[in-house]
Amino acid sequence: MNMSDLKENLLYLVFLVVIVAASTSSCEKEVSSLVVDPNHKVKPEYNTPFKLSISQRAFFRKDELTVQFLGVTEDSRCPQGATCIWQGEVKVSLSLATENQQSDEITLVLGTQPDQAKQVFDGFLVELEKVTPVPVEGKEMDADDYKITLRVIRMDTSCTPIVIDQEKAASASSDPFDFKSVSVEGDCLQIEVSYGGGCDGADFELITGGEVMESYPPQMRIALLLDDQDDCKALVTKNLSYDISALRQQNSEVILHLTDWDTPISFK
């Protein structure tokens, strides 16, 4: 081999070393970019699903609202590959805080009762939509692997929030009244009613069990209840306003069926 060939081979080897080093560096950067930094704050929009890893925070700058995923406290979901008589549930612990309210720890449960997956905090509805990964039969879960999908809704403070309570809705009863009109304005359901009264002691409440019917568009049942402790018998007309933003479905309208009101209500 002459000197010219030796130099050519040496330059080729140097070129290969540079290419391998660059590729290795690129792969390391790609892998490191996939590592979740728990100190990194997610900055989502209201009414838009977002994901959090263990210890990660979401920050809503407009209202100084912070939501932190503390961890999964219980996971009894049926593992993949197993046959179960109950689908189970998963419990998630969150820390919430605003500039108006001190940090508070809450637990949301994703399972058979939809109302347990939602909770109101200082004018915000926090809803748990998904917890991953799902348990696998014969495989031990690592607590640090959990990720959750949440949605936060900024509620309309000018309206009374609808009550989401499956047990209460199932056994609810009402004193008599009549509907005069029902309409949707923004996130508020406007209801005009008439009833016998005129003195203090008549309380209305809009309630739902939270169950969503499997149809397109999805449908839900709601009910307006009157607890009438008013001893007067004059005919009273009253305008009521309820925040129904908690019933909004992702990327779809929802049809609301109000008990004793014949016309279905479309809400987007």
C-alpha atoms as a PDB file:
ATOM      1  CA  MET A   1       0.000   0.000   0.000  1.00  0.00           C
ATOM      2  CA  ASN A   2       1.505   3.361  -1.036  1.00  0.00           C
ATOM      3  CA  MET A   3       1.427   6.555   1.014  1.00  0.00           C
ATOM      4  CA  SER A   4      -1.487   8.026  -1.006  1.00  0.00           C
ATOM      5  CA  ASP A   5      -3.712   5.010  -0.296  1.00  0.00           C
ATOM      6  CA  LEU A   6      -2.838   5.113   3.413  1.00  0.00           C
ATOM      7  CA  LYS A   7      -3.852   8.761   3.715  1.00  0.00           C
ATOM      8  CA  GLU A   8      -7.104   8.067   1.865  1.00  0.00           C
ATOM      9  CA  ASN A   9      -7.998   5.175   4.222  1.00  0.00           C
ATOM     10  CA  LEU A  10      -7.133   7.247   7.286  1.00  0.00           C
ATOM     11  CA  LEU A  11      -9.404  10.092   6.151  1.00  0.00           C
ATOM     12  CA  TYR A  12     -12.215   7.592   5.546  1.00  0.00           C
ATOM     13  CA  LEU A  13     -11.865   6.200   9.085  1.00  0.00           C
ATOM     14  CA  VAL A  14     -11.946   9.689  10.572  1.00  0.00           C
ATOM     15  CA  PHE A  15     -15.119  10.413   8.570  1.00  0.00           C
ATOM     16  CA  LEU A  16     -16.795   7.243   9.928  1.00  0.00           C
ATOM     17  CA  VAL A  17     -15.891   8.148  13.525  1.00  0.00           C
ATOM     18  CA  VAL A  18     -17.436  11.614  13.107  1.00  0.00           C
ATOM     19  CA  ILE A  19     -20.644  10.160  11.632  1.00  0.00           C
ATOM     20  CA  VAL A  20     -21.035   7.570  14.442  1.00  0.00           C
ATOM     21  CA  ALA A  21     -20.390  10.188  17.136  1.00  0.00           C
ATOM     22  CA  ALA A  22     -22.974  12.543  15.629  1.00  0.00           C
ATOM     23  CA  SER A  23     -25.556   9.743  15.403  1.00  0.00           C
ATOM     24  CA  THR A  24     -24.957   8.708  19.015  1.00  0.00           C
ATOM     25  CA  SER A  25     -25.340  12.298  20.205  1.00  0.00           C
ATOM     26  CA  SER A  26     -28.561  12.683  18.209  1.00  0.00           C
ATOM     27  CA  CYS A  27     -30.025   9.497  19.719  1.00  0.00           C
ATOM     28  CA  GLU A  28     -29.086  10.573  23.224  1.00  0.00           C
ATOM     29  CA  LYS A  29     -30.792  13.915  22.680  1.00  0.00           C
ATOM     30  CA  GLU A  30     -33.888  12.188  21.285  1.00  0.00           C
ATOM     31  CA  VAL A  31     -34.112   9.806  24.251  1.00  0.00           C
ATOM     32  CA  SER A  32     -33.518  12.546  26.801  1.00  0.00           C
ATOM     33  CA  SER A  33     -36.266  14.656  25.230  1.00  0.00           C
ATOM     34  CA  LEU A  34     -38.753  11.890  26.089  1.00  0.00           C
ATOM     35  CA  VAL A  35     -37.993  12.072  29.809  1.00  0.00           C
ATOM     36  CA  VAL A  36     -40.748  13.970  31.669  1.00  0.00           C
ATOM     37  CA  ASP A  37     -39.486  16.723  33.936  1.00  0.00           C
ATOM     38  CA  PRO A  38     -41.831  16.841  36.959  1.00  0.00           C
ATOM     39  CA  ASN A  39     -40.876  20.490  37.477  1.00  0.00           C
ATOM     40  CA  HIS A  40     -42.135  21.403  34.015  1.00  0.00           C
ATOM     41  CA  LYS A  41     -45.539  23.095  34.173  1.00  0.00           C
ATOM     42  CA  VAL A  42     -48.147  22.210  31.566  1.00  0.00           C
ATOM     43  CA  LYS A  43     -50.118  25.288  30.455  1.00  0.00           C
ATOM     44  CA  PRO A  44     -53.430  23.980  29.082  1.00  0.00           C
ATOM     45  CA  GLU A  45     -56.611  25.740  28.010  1.00  0.00           C
ATOM     46  CA  TYR A  46     -59.925  25.494  29.840  1.00  0.00           C
ATOM     47  CA  ASN A  47     -62.275  22.713  28.683  1.00  0.00           C
ATOM     48  CA  THR A  48     -59.396  21.025  26.811  1.00  0.00           C
ATOM     49  CA  PRO A  49     -58.057  17.618  27.942  1.00  0.00           C
ATOM     50  CA  PHE A  50     -54.404  17.602  29.057  1.00  0.00           C
ATOM     51  CA  LYS A  51     -52.015  15.003  30.493  1.00  0.00           C
ATOM     52  CA  LEU A  52     -49.950  15.015  33.681  1.00  0.00           C
ATOM     53  CA  SER A  53     -47.254  12.657  34.943  1.00  0.00           C
ATOM     54  CA  ILE A  54     -46.533  11.990  38.625  1.00  0.00           C
ATOM     55  CA  SER A  55     -45.693  15.247  40.495  1.00  0.00           C
ATOM     56  CA  GLN A  56     -46.263  17.354  37.368  1.00  0.00           C
ATOM     57  CA  ARG A  57     -48.290  20.575  37.558  1.00  0.00           C
ATOM     58  CA  ALA A  58     -50.727  22.312  35.229  1.00  0.00           C
ATOM     59  CA  PHE A  59     -50.925  26.091  35.504  1.00  0.00           C
ATOM     60  CA  PHE A  60     -53.802  28.288  34.305  1.00  0.00           C
ATOM     61  CA  ARG A  61     -52.235  31.738  34.308  1.00  0.00           C
ATOM     62  CA  LYS A  62     -55.469  33.738  33.905  1.00  0.00           C
ATOM     63  CA  ASP A  63     -56.800  32.622  37.295  1.00  0.00           C
ATOM     64  CA  GLU A  64     -53.538  31.524  38.974  1.00  0.00           C
ATOM     65  CA  LEU A  65     -54.974  27.997  39.196  1.00  0.00           C
ATOM     66  CA  THR A  66     -52.485  25.170  39.794  1.00  0.00           C
ATOM     67  CA  VAL A  67     -53.339  21.469  39.502  1.00  0.00           C
ATOM     68  CA  GLN A  68     -50.730  18.894  40.584  1.00  0.00           C
ATOM     69  CA  PHE A  69     -50.904  15.121  40.119  1.00  0.00           C
ATOM     70  CA  LEU A  70     -49.806  13.643  43.457  1.00  0.00           C
ATOM     71  CA  GLY A  71     -50.277   9.988  42.598  1.00  0.00           C
ATOM     72  CA  VAL A  72     -52.602   6.995  42.334  1.00  0.00           C
ATOM     73  CA  THR A  73     -53.763   5.859  45.780  1.00  0.00           C
ATOM     74  CA  GLU A  74     -55.688   2.770  44.639  1.00  0.00           C
ATOM     75  CA  ASP A  75     -56.013   0.823  41.391  1.00  0.00           C
ATOM     76  CA  SER A  76     -58.464  -2.084  41.393  1.00  0.00           C
ATOM     77  CA  ARG A  77     -59.206  -1.994  37.639  1.00  0.00           C
ATOM     78  CA  CYS A  78     -59.574  -5.367  35.940  1.00  0.00           C
ATOM     79  CA  PRO A  79     -56.137  -6.225  34.467  1.00  0.00           C
ATOM     80  CA  GLN A  80     -55.739  -6.892  30.763  1.00  0.00           C
ATOM     81  CA  GLY A  81     -55.820 -10.621  30.156  1.00  0.00           C
ATOM     82  CA  ALA A  82     -57.932 -11.337  33.234  1.00  0.00           C
ATOM     83  CA  THR A  83     -61.627 -12.188  33.599  1.00  0.00           C
ATOM     84  CA  CYS A  84     -63.336 -10.068  36.262  1.00  0.00           C
ATOM     85  CA  ILE A  85     -66.893  -9.771  37.571  1.00  0.00           C
ATOM     86  CA  TRP A  86     -66.322  -6.055  38.333  1.00  0.00           C
ATOM     87  CA  GLN A  87     -64.510  -3.486  36.219  1.00  0.00           C
ATOM     88  CA  GLY A  88     -62.904  -1.946  39.303  1.00  0.00           C
ATOM     89  CA  GLU A  89     -61.841   1.654  39.810  1.00  0.00           C
ATOM     90  CA  VAL A  90     -58.773   3.845  40.114  1.00  0.00           C
ATOM     91  CA  LYS A  91     -58.340   6.651  42.656  1.00  0.00           C
ATOM     92  CA  VAL A  92     -56.204   9.692  41.868  1.00  0.00           C
ATOM     93  CA  SER A  93     -54.929  12.280  44.342  1.00  0.00           C
ATOM     94  CA  LEU A  94     -54.607  15.907  43.199  1.00  0.00           C
ATOM     95  CA  SER A  95     -53.435  19.123  44.823  1.00  0.00           C
ATOM     96  CA  LEU A  96     -55.345  22.271  43.790  1.00  0.00           C
ATOM     97  CA  ALA A  97     -54.666  25.913  44.587  1.00  0.00           C
ATOM     98  CA  THR A  98     -55.648  29.387  43.372  1.00  0.00           C
ATOM     99  CA  GLU A  99     -54.584  32.856  44.432  1.00  0.00           C
ATOM    100  CA  ASN A 100     -57.872  33.061  46.372  1.00  0.00           C
ATOM    101  CA  GLN A 101     -57.766  29.655  48.044  1.00  0.00           C
ATOM    102  CA  GLN A 102     -55.027  27.719  49.820  1.00  0.00           C
ATOM    103  CA  SER A 103     -53.806  24.400  48.462  1.00  0.00           C
ATOM    104  CA  ASP A 104     -56.330  21.601  48.945  1.00  0.00           C
ATOM    105  CA  GLU A 105     -55.960  17.868  48.287  1.00  0.00           C
ATOM    106  CA  ILE A 106     -58.818  16.036  46.565  1.00  0.00           C
ATOM    107  CA  THR A 107     -59.428  12.489  45.342  1.00  0.00           C
ATOM    108  CA  LEU A 108     -61.126  11.690  42.031  1.00  0.00           C
ATOM    109  CA  VAL A 109     -62.358   8.179  41.243  1.00  0.00           C
ATOM    110  CA  LEU A 110     -62.666   6.746  37.739  1.00  0.00           C
ATOM    111  CA  GLY A 111     -65.013   3.787  37.827  1.00  0.00           C
ATOM    112  CA  THR A 112     -68.728   3.037  37.762  1.00  0.00           C
ATOM    113  CA  GLN A 113     -70.013   6.306  39.272  1.00  0.00           C
ATOM    114  CA  PRO A 114     -69.418   9.298  36.936  1.00  0.00           C
ATOM    115  CA  ASP A 115     -70.042  11.899  39.648  1.00  0.00           C
ATOM    116  CA  GLN A 116     -66.971  10.675  41.584  1.00  0.00           C
ATOM    117  CA  ALA A 117     -64.686  11.606  38.685  1.00  0.00           C
ATOM    118  CA  LYS A 118     -65.590  15.306  39.011  1.00  0.00           C
ATOM    119  CA  GLN A 119     -65.223  17.877  41.762  1.00  0.00           C
ATOM    120  CA  VAL A 120     -65.761  21.635  42.018  1.00  0.00           C
ATOM    121  CA  PHE A 121     -62.964  23.730  43.526  1.00  0.00           C
ATOM    122  CA  ASP A 122     -63.213  27.512  43.943  1.00  0.00           C
ATOM    123  CA  GLY A 123     -65.395  27.977  40.831  1.00  0.00           C
ATOM    124  CA  PHE A 124     -63.589  25.379  38.681  1.00  0.00           C
ATOM    125  CA  LEU A 125     -64.806  21.916  37.715  1.00  0.00           C
ATOM    126  CA  VAL A 126     -61.935  19.393  37.646  1.00  0.00           C
ATOM    127  CA  GLU A 127     -62.715  16.144  35.810  1.00  0.00           C
ATOM    128  CA  LEU A 128     -60.642  12.962  35.561  1.00  0.00           C
ATOM    129  CA  GLU A 129     -61.027  11.438  32.085  1.00  0.00           C
ATOM    130  CA  LYS A 130     -58.340   8.736  31.813  1.00  0.00           C
ATOM    131  CA  VAL A 131     -55.619   6.940  33.783  1.00  0.00           C
ATOM    132  CA  THR A 132     -52.843   5.009  32.019  1.00  0.00           C
ATOM    133  CA  PRO A 133     -51.393   2.457  31.846  1.00  0.00           C
ATOM    134  CA  VAL A 134     -54.102  -0.119  32.503  1.00  0.00           C
ATOM    135  CA  PRO A 135     -52.928  -2.972  34.761  1.00  0.00           C
ATOM    136  CA  VAL A 136     -51.735  -6.135  33.001  1.00  0.00           C
ATOM    137  CA  GLU A 137     -52.225  -9.576  34.533  1.00  0.00           C
ATOM    138  CA  GLY A 138     -49.003 -10.919  36.025  1.00  0.00           C
ATOM    139  CA  LYS A 139     -47.150  -7.614  35.676  1.00  0.00           C
ATOM    140  CA  GLU A 140     -46.358  -5.381  38.635  1.00  0.00           C
ATOM    141  CA  MET A 141     -47.243  -1.701  38.212  1.00  0.00           C
ATOM    142  CA  ASP A 142     -44.656   0.997  38.846  1.00  0.00           C
ATOM    143  CA  ALA A 143     -46.300   3.970  40.596  1.00  0.00           C
ATOM    144  CA  ASP A 144     -44.112   6.413  38.651  1.00  0.00           C
ATOM    145  CA  ASP A 145     -45.457   5.159  35.307  1.00  0.00           C
ATOM    146  CA  TYR A 146     -48.968   6.524  35.819  1.00  0.00           C
ATOM    147  CA  LYS A 147     -50.252   9.349  33.632  1.00  0.00           C
ATOM    148  CA  ILE A 148     -53.656  10.996  33.875  1.00  0.00           C
ATOM    149  CA  THR A 149     -55.849  12.979  31.519  1.00  0.00           C
ATOM    150  CA  LEU A 150     -57.765  15.846  33.113  1.00  0.00           C
ATOM    151  CA  ARG A 151     -60.131  18.558  31.962  1.00  0.00           C
ATOM    152  CA  VAL A 152     -60.758  21.806  33.851  1.00  0.00           C
ATOM    153  CA  ILE A 153     -63.854  23.937  33.249  1.00  0.00           C
ATOM    154  CA  ARG A 154     -64.095  27.523  34.445  1.00  0.00           C
ATOM    155  CA  MET A 155     -67.654  27.726  35.762  1.00  0.00           C
ATOM    156  CA  ASP A 156     -69.995  30.660  35.227  1.00  0.00           C
ATOM    157  CA  THR A 157     -70.241  32.327  38.639  1.00  0.00           C
ATOM    158  CA  SER A 158     -73.417  34.160  37.623  1.00  0.00           C
ATOM    159  CA  CYS A 159     -75.288  30.821  37.534  1.00  0.00           C
ATOM    160  CA  THR A 160     -75.903  28.221  40.219  1.00  0.00           C
ATOM    161  CA  PRO A 161     -73.895  25.037  39.445  1.00  0.00           C
ATOM    162  CA  ILE A 162     -75.862  21.923  38.559  1.00  0.00           C
ATOM    163  CA  VAL A 163     -75.578  19.195  41.204  1.00  0.00           C
ATOM    164  CA  ILE A 164     -73.980  15.938  39.985  1.00  0.00           C
ATOM    165  CA  ASP A 165     -74.897  13.184  42.420  1.00  0.00           C
ATOM    166  CA  GLN A 166     -75.887   9.725  41.198  1.00  0.00           C
ATOM    167  CA  GLU A 167     -77.321   8.488  44.492  1.00  0.00           C
ATOM    168  CA  LYS A 168     -79.280  11.667  45.174  1.00  0.00           C
ATOM    169  CA  ALA A 169     -80.639  11.839  41.617  1.00  0.00           C
ATOM    170  CA  ALA A 170     -81.909   8.256  41.822  1.00  0.00           C
ATOM    171  CA  SER A 171     -84.055   8.964  44.882  1.00  0.00           C
ATOM    172  CA  ALA A 172     -84.961  12.612  44.252  1.00  0.00           C
ATOM    173  CA  SER A 173     -88.546  13.893  44.559  1.00  0.00           C
ATOM    174  CA  SER A 174     -90.083  17.307  43.973  1.00  0.00           C
ATOM    175  CA  ASP A 175     -93.007  19.422  45.068  1.00  0.00           C
ATOM    176  CA  PRO A 176     -95.301  20.539  42.194  1.00  0.00           C
ATOM    177  CA  PHE A 177     -94.474  23.473  39.892  1.00  0.00           C
ATOM    178  CA  ASP A 178     -94.911  24.366  36.203  1.00  0.00           C
ATOM    179  CA  PHE A 179     -92.344  25.176  33.519  1.00  0.00           C
ATOM    180  CA  LYS A 180     -92.997  28.345  31.518  1.00  0.00           C
ATOM    181  CA  SER A 181     -89.816  28.475  29.390  1.00  0.00           C
ATOM    182  CA  VAL A 182     -86.403  26.815  29.066  1.00  0.00           C
ATOM    183  CA  SER A 183     -83.417  28.073  27.060  1.00  0.00           C
ATOM    184  CA  VAL A 184     -79.613  27.877  26.923  1.00  0.00           C
ATOM    185  CA  GLU A 185     -77.502  31.041  27.083  1.00  0.00           C
ATOM    186  CA  GLY A 186     -73.789  30.325  26.953  1.00  0.00           C
ATOM    187  CA  ASP A 187     -73.047  27.837  29.735  1.00  0.00           C
ATOM    188  CA  CYS A 188     -76.234  28.649  31.647  1.00  0.00           C
ATOM    189  CA  LEU A 189     -79.619  26.959  31.466  1.00  0.00           C
ATOM    190  CA  GLN A 190     -82.313  29.612  31.916  1.00  0.00           C
ATOM    191  CA  ILE A 191     -85.583  28.296  33.355  1.00  0.00           C
ATOM    192  CA  GLU A 192     -88.792  30.201  34.084  1.00  0.00           C
ATOM    193  CA  VAL A 193     -91.180  28.470  36.485  1.00  0.00           C
ATOM    194  CA  SER A 194     -94.384  29.140  38.372  1.00  0.00           C
ATOM    195  CA  TYR A 195     -95.463  27.658  41.697  1.00  0.00           C
ATOM    196  CA  GLY A 196     -97.678  28.313  44.695  1.00  0.00           C
ATOM    197  CA  GLY A 197     -95.937  30.464  47.280  1.00  0.00           C
ATOM    198  CA  GLY A 198     -95.133  34.091  47.897  1.00  0.00           C
ATOM    199  CA  CYS A 199     -93.284  33.794  51.194  1.00  0.00           C
ATOM    200  CA  ASP A 200     -89.833  32.419  51.970  1.00  0.00           C
ATOM    201  CA  GLY A 201     -89.157  28.682  51.938  1.00  0.00           C
ATOM    202  CA  ALA A 202     -89.186  27.550  48.285  1.00  0.00           C
ATOM    203  CA  ASP A 203     -85.825  26.162  47.087  1.00  0.00           C
ATOM    204  CA  PHE A 204     -85.059  24.890  43.582  1.00  0.00           C
ATOM    205  CA  GLU A 205     -82.178  22.599  42.603  1.00  0.00           C
ATOM    206  CA  LEU A 206     -81.059  21.296  39.193  1.00  0.00           C
ATOM    207  CA  ILE A 207     -79.621  17.802  39.485  1.00  0.00           C
ATOM    208  CA  THR A 208     -78.249  14.954  37.373  1.00  0.00           C
ATOM    209  CA  GLY A 209     -76.806  11.531  38.083  1.00  0.00           C
ATOM    210  CA  GLY A 210     -74.055  12.208  35.550  1.00  0.00           C
ATOM    211  CA  GLU A 211     -74.735   9.122  33.414  1.00  0.00           C
ATOM    212  CA  VAL A 212     -74.182   9.615  29.671  1.00  0.00           C
ATOM    213  CA  MET A 213     -76.334   7.507  27.337  1.00  0.00           C
ATOM    214  CA  GLU A 214     -74.412   5.691  24.605  1.00  0.00           C
ATOM    215  CA  SER A 215     -75.795   7.423  21.533  1.00  0.00           C
ATOM    216  CA  TYR A 216     -74.790  10.048  18.990  1.00  0.00           C
ATOM    217  CA  PRO A 217     -75.025  12.753  20.012  1.00  0.00           C
ATOM    218  CA  PRO A 218     -74.699  11.677  23.663  1.00  0.00           C
ATOM    219  CA  GLN A 219     -77.719  12.240  25.913  1.00  0.00           C
ATOM    220  CA  MET A 220     -78.172  12.937  29.627  1.00  0.00           C
ATOM    221  CA  ARG A 221     -81.113  13.223  32.002  1.00  0.00           C
ATOM    222  CA  ILE A 222     -81.502  16.224  34.302  1.00  0.00           C
ATOM    223  CA  ALA A 223     -84.235  17.220  36.745  1.00  0.00           C
ATOM    224  CA  LEU A 224     -85.359  20.434  38.413  1.00  0.00           C
ATOM    225  CA  LEU A 225     -86.513  19.809  41.977  1.00  0.00           C
ATOM    226  CA  LEU A 226     -88.562  22.040  44.265  1.00  0.00           C
ATOM    227  CA  ASP A 227     -88.510  21.782  48.024  1.00  0.00           C
ATOM    228  CA  ASP A 228     -91.538  23.942  48.873  1.00  0.00           C
ATOM    229  CA  GLN A 229     -91.789  24.867  52.544  1.00  0.00           C
ATOM    230  CA  ASP A 230     -93.655  28.073  51.640  1.00  0.00           C
ATOM    231  CA  ASP A 231     -97.024  28.319  53.431  1.00  0.00           C
ATOM    232  CA  CYS A 232     -98.336  31.044  51.107  1.00  0.00           C
ATOM    233  CA  LYS A 233    -100.481  30.063  48.122  1.00  0.00           C
ATOM    234  CA  ALA A 234    -100.091  32.989  45.703  1.00  0.00           C
ATOM    235  CA  LEU A 235     -99.019  32.128  42.120  1.00  0.00           C
ATOM    236  CA  VAL A 236     -95.324  33.030  41.886  1.00  0.00           C
ATOM    237  CA  THR A 237     -93.247  33.263  38.694  1.00  0.00           C
ATOM    238  CA  LYS A 238     -89.496  32.888  39.107  1.00  0.00           C
ATOM    239  CA  ASN A 239     -86.464  32.936  36.784  1.00  0.00           C
ATOM    240  CA  LEU A 240     -83.720  30.411  37.551  1.00  0.00           C
ATOM    241  CA  SER A 241     -80.222  30.149  36.075  1.00  0.00           C
ATOM    242  CA  TYR A 242     -77.953  27.082  36.291  1.00  0.00           C
ATOM    243  CA  ASP A 243     -74.389  26.514  35.128  1.00  0.00           C
ATOM    244  CA  ILE A 244     -74.386  23.306  33.044  1.00  0.00           C
ATOM    245  CA  SER A 245     -70.801  23.560  31.744  1.00  0.00           C
ATOM    246  CA  ALA A 246     -69.967  20.389  33.693  1.00  0.00           C
ATOM    247  CA  LEU A 247     -72.188  18.447  31.259  1.00  0.00           C
ATOM    248  CA  ARG A 248     -70.306  19.506  28.126  1.00  0.00           C
ATOM    249  CA  GLN A 249     -68.959  16.586  26.099  1.00  0.00           C
ATOM    250  CA  GLN A 250     -65.669  16.666  24.228  1.00  0.00           C
ATOM    251  CA  ASN A 251     -66.053  17.581  20.530  1.00  0.00           C
ATOM    252  CA  SER A 252     -69.801  16.940  20.574  1.00  0.00           C
ATOM    253  CA  GLU A 253     -73.110  18.443  21.551  1.00  0.00           C
ATOM    254  CA  VAL A 254     -75.096  16.741  24.290  1.00  0.00           C
ATOM    255  CA  ILE A 255     -78.873  16.356  24.324  1.00  0.00           C
ATOM    256  CA  LEU A 256     -80.361  17.067  27.746  1.00  0.00           C
ATOM    257  CA  HIS A 257     -83.699  15.573  28.761  1.00  0.00           C
ATOM    258  CA  LEU A 258     -85.253  17.713  31.472  1.00  0.00           C
ATOM    259  CA  THR A 259     -87.892  15.844  33.503  1.00  0.00           C
ATOM    260  CA  ASP A 260     -91.453  17.107  32.737  1.00  0.00           C
ATOM    261  CA  TRP A 261     -90.187  19.361  29.906  1.00  0.00           C
ATOM    262  CA  ASP A 262     -91.157  17.831  26.542  1.00  0.00           C
ATOM    263  CA  THR A 263     -88.516  19.446  24.314  1.00  0.00           C
ATOM    264  CA  PRO A 264     -84.952  18.014  24.286  1.00  0.00           C
ATOM    265  CA  ILE A 265     -82.272  20.650  25.015  1.00  0.00           C
ATOM    266  CA  SER A 266     -79.161  20.893  22.827  1.00  0.00           C
ATOM    267  CA  PHE A 267     -75.980  21.994  24.604  1.00  0.00           C
ATOM    268  CA  LYS A 268     -72.537  22.406  22.988  1.00  0.00           C
END
